[in-house]
Amino acid sequence: MLALALLGGCPAAQARPTGFAGLQCGANIPKLLIGRTMPNDRVVVTERRYRNLGLKDLGATELDAGYNAIWWSICGVQLVELEDSHSVVRDVLSFDSLPRKALLFEGGCTVHHQTLRNEVIAVLTDQAGHAMLAATKAWTIDVEKGRFMPQGTAALLCPRSGAHAVESR
């Protein structure tokens, strides 16, 4: 059995693709990204290499416990990857069917005027003139599991200053 694994005869021993290699529009891209190691190339190099996916870097944020939130537009859909300190994609959220007035958010939010301890990724409802916006969907990061975890939205408010328009429209 060990010899088979060393020779590559065992599927578990075969290397998983890295980066966006082998992905195609129409596939379940979020699912296919989980477990991949992302190369630390310059953004323009990565975007050029995967132009067939319409790949566009939308920014990144260093989070607590060595995680990073990496935002991309792929095949016209905006998503955020949760990468660990070894550049392995641990989880992915995809935002492909949002209402027109939706904004995406990453940062600190409050519930009943109490600041949440963890960083929040949320879909907010844009309301002109409001500094704090209500969330329709939200997630926090479970650093133990390396996953996005659903966060209740009752009384959840997030500042407009951390929100941005959806790029996939």
Protein backbone atom coordinates (compact mmCIF):
# COMPACT_ATOMS: atom_id res chain seq x y z
CA MET A 1 0.00 0.00 0.00
CA LEU A 2 2.86 2.37 0.90
CA ALA A 3 4.57 1.61 -2.39
CA LEU A 4 1.39 2.49 -4.30
CA ALA A 5 1.10 5.80 -2.46
CA LEU A 6 4.75 6.63 -3.14
CA LEU A 7 4.36 5.85 -6.83
CA GLY A 8 1.23 7.98 -7.12
CA GLY A 9 -1.14 5.03 -7.50
CA CYS A 10 -3.26 6.25 -4.60
CA PRO A 11 -5.62 9.14 -5.43
CA ALA A 12 -4.98 10.73 -2.01
CA ALA A 13 -1.27 10.91 -2.82
CA GLN A 14 -1.79 12.84 -6.06
CA ALA A 15 -1.22 16.58 -5.89
CA ARG A 16 -4.23 18.86 -5.88
CA PRO A 17 -4.21 21.64 -8.50
CA THR A 18 -2.90 25.00 -7.37
CA GLY A 19 -4.35 28.44 -7.92
CA PHE A 20 -7.07 28.67 -10.54
CA ALA A 21 -5.60 25.93 -12.78
CA GLY A 22 -8.19 23.80 -14.56
CA LEU A 23 -11.21 25.87 -13.48
CA GLN A 24 -13.91 26.67 -16.02
CA CYS A 25 -16.84 29.06 -15.96
CA GLY A 26 -20.02 27.15 -15.17
CA ALA A 27 -18.25 24.77 -12.77
CA ASN A 28 -18.76 24.89 -9.00
CA ILE A 29 -15.73 27.17 -8.57
CA PRO A 30 -16.13 27.79 -4.79
CA LYS A 31 -16.15 24.05 -4.11
CA LEU A 32 -13.20 23.42 -6.45
CA LEU A 33 -11.09 26.16 -4.80
CA ILE A 34 -11.29 24.69 -1.28
CA GLY A 35 -8.05 22.93 -0.40
CA ARG A 36 -6.00 24.52 -3.18
CA THR A 37 -2.77 26.35 -2.46
CA MET A 38 -2.75 29.79 -4.01
CA PRO A 39 0.54 31.01 -5.48
CA ASN A 40 2.00 34.28 -4.28
CA ASP A 41 2.32 35.80 -7.76
CA ARG A 42 1.82 39.43 -8.63
CA VAL A 43 -1.87 40.14 -9.21
CA VAL A 44 -1.39 41.24 -12.85
CA VAL A 45 0.41 37.96 -13.60
CA THR A 46 -2.38 35.88 -12.03
CA GLU A 47 -5.13 37.88 -13.77
CA ARG A 48 -3.36 37.51 -17.14
CA ARG A 49 -2.76 33.77 -16.66
CA TYR A 50 -6.48 33.16 -15.99
CA ARG A 51 -8.06 35.76 -18.26
CA ASN A 52 -10.31 32.98 -19.65
CA LEU A 53 -12.10 33.14 -16.24
CA GLY A 54 -12.45 36.93 -16.37
CA LEU A 55 -10.37 36.90 -13.17
CA LYS A 56 -10.16 40.23 -11.38
CA ASP A 57 -8.53 40.88 -8.01
CA LEU A 58 -10.83 42.91 -5.73
CA GLY A 59 -8.52 43.20 -2.73
CA ALA A 60 -7.48 41.33 0.37
CA THR A 61 -7.53 41.77 4.11
CA GLU A 62 -5.31 40.23 6.76
CA LEU A 63 -7.54 38.79 9.46
CA ASP A 64 -6.98 37.45 12.96
CA ALA A 65 -5.23 34.13 13.61
CA GLY A 66 -3.20 34.22 10.38
CA TYR A 67 -6.12 34.13 7.95
CA ASN A 68 -6.65 36.33 4.91
CA ALA A 69 -9.86 37.25 3.12
CA ILE A 70 -9.11 37.41 -0.61
CA TRP A 71 -11.82 38.92 -2.85
CA TRP A 72 -12.07 37.96 -6.53
CA SER A 73 -14.42 38.34 -9.46
CA ILE A 74 -14.41 35.06 -11.41
CA CYS A 75 -16.64 34.37 -14.41
CA GLY A 76 -18.67 37.45 -13.46
CA VAL A 77 -19.28 36.29 -9.89
CA GLN A 78 -17.77 37.93 -6.84
CA LEU A 79 -16.39 35.63 -4.14
CA VAL A 80 -14.24 35.75 -1.06
CA GLU A 81 -11.72 33.07 -0.13
CA LEU A 82 -10.58 32.37 3.40
CA GLU A 83 -6.89 31.50 3.13
CA ASP A 84 -4.75 30.24 5.99
CA SER A 85 -1.15 31.30 6.72
CA HIS A 86 0.11 28.68 4.20
CA SER A 87 -2.02 30.17 1.36
CA VAL A 88 -4.41 27.19 1.42
CA VAL A 89 -8.04 28.04 0.64
CA ARG A 90 -10.05 26.86 3.64
CA ASP A 91 -13.50 28.15 2.66
CA VAL A 92 -15.22 30.26 -0.03
CA LEU A 93 -18.34 32.40 -0.10
CA SER A 94 -19.88 33.17 -3.49
CA PHE A 95 -22.16 36.13 -4.21
CA ASP A 96 -23.82 35.37 -7.53
CA SER A 97 -27.48 36.29 -7.05
CA LEU A 98 -27.88 39.37 -4.92
CA PRO A 99 -30.57 42.04 -4.97
CA ARG A 100 -29.77 45.23 -6.88
CA LYS A 101 -29.36 47.41 -3.79
CA ALA A 102 -27.06 44.94 -2.04
CA LEU A 103 -23.59 45.88 -0.85
CA LEU A 104 -20.87 43.52 0.31
CA PHE A 105 -19.15 44.20 3.60
CA GLU A 106 -16.11 43.03 5.52
CA GLY A 107 -15.24 44.36 8.96
CA GLY A 108 -16.65 44.98 12.40
CA CYS A 109 -20.40 45.09 13.09
CA THR A 110 -22.68 45.54 16.08
CA VAL A 111 -25.68 43.69 17.51
CA HIS A 112 -27.85 45.79 19.86
CA HIS A 113 -25.05 48.41 19.95
CA GLN A 114 -22.50 45.81 21.17
CA THR A 115 -19.47 45.30 18.92
CA LEU A 116 -19.05 41.74 17.72
CA ARG A 117 -15.75 40.13 18.61
CA ASN A 118 -15.09 38.57 15.20
CA GLU A 119 -14.73 40.06 11.75
CA VAL A 120 -17.94 39.84 9.69
CA ILE A 121 -18.56 39.21 6.00
CA ALA A 122 -22.08 40.41 5.16
CA VAL A 123 -24.58 41.28 2.48
CA LEU A 124 -26.04 44.68 3.39
CA THR A 125 -29.12 46.52 2.19
CA ASP A 126 -28.12 49.94 0.86
CA GLN A 127 -30.19 52.70 2.48
CA ALA A 128 -29.36 56.23 1.38
CA GLY A 129 -28.41 58.54 4.24
CA HIS A 130 -27.72 55.75 6.77
CA ALA A 131 -24.25 55.32 8.24
CA MET A 132 -25.10 51.86 9.65
CA LEU A 133 -26.74 49.31 7.36
CA ALA A 134 -28.79 46.20 8.09
CA ALA A 135 -27.48 42.82 6.98
CA THR A 136 -29.58 40.28 5.09
CA LYS A 137 -26.90 37.56 5.29
CA ALA A 138 -23.75 37.41 7.39
CA TRP A 139 -20.86 35.16 8.35
CA THR A 140 -18.05 35.23 10.91
CA ILE A 141 -14.82 33.25 10.77
CA ASP A 142 -14.38 30.20 12.97
CA VAL A 143 -10.61 30.29 13.42
CA GLU A 144 -10.57 26.80 14.96
CA LYS A 145 -12.23 25.22 11.91
CA GLY A 146 -10.97 27.68 9.31
CA ARG A 147 -14.48 28.22 7.96
CA PHE A 148 -17.04 30.92 7.40
CA MET A 149 -19.89 30.36 9.87
CA PRO A 150 -23.39 31.80 9.46
CA GLN A 151 -24.09 34.78 11.72
CA GLY A 152 -27.60 35.81 12.70
CA THR A 153 -28.75 39.08 11.19
CA ALA A 154 -31.37 40.17 13.75
CA ALA A 155 -30.27 43.65 14.92
CA LEU A 156 -26.94 43.24 13.07
CA LEU A 157 -25.71 46.61 11.77
CA CYS A 158 -22.51 47.27 9.85
CA PRO A 159 -20.94 50.61 8.88
CA ARG A 160 -21.38 51.82 5.32
CA SER A 161 -17.67 52.70 5.31
CA GLY A 162 -16.70 49.00 4.99
CA ALA A 163 -19.20 48.23 2.23
CA HIS A 164 -18.67 48.05 -1.50
CA ALA A 165 -20.84 47.50 -4.55
CA VAL A 166 -21.10 44.03 -6.04
CA GLU A 167 -18.74 43.69 -9.03
CA SER A 168 -20.61 40.87 -10.77
CA ARG A 169 -23.50 42.85 -12.22
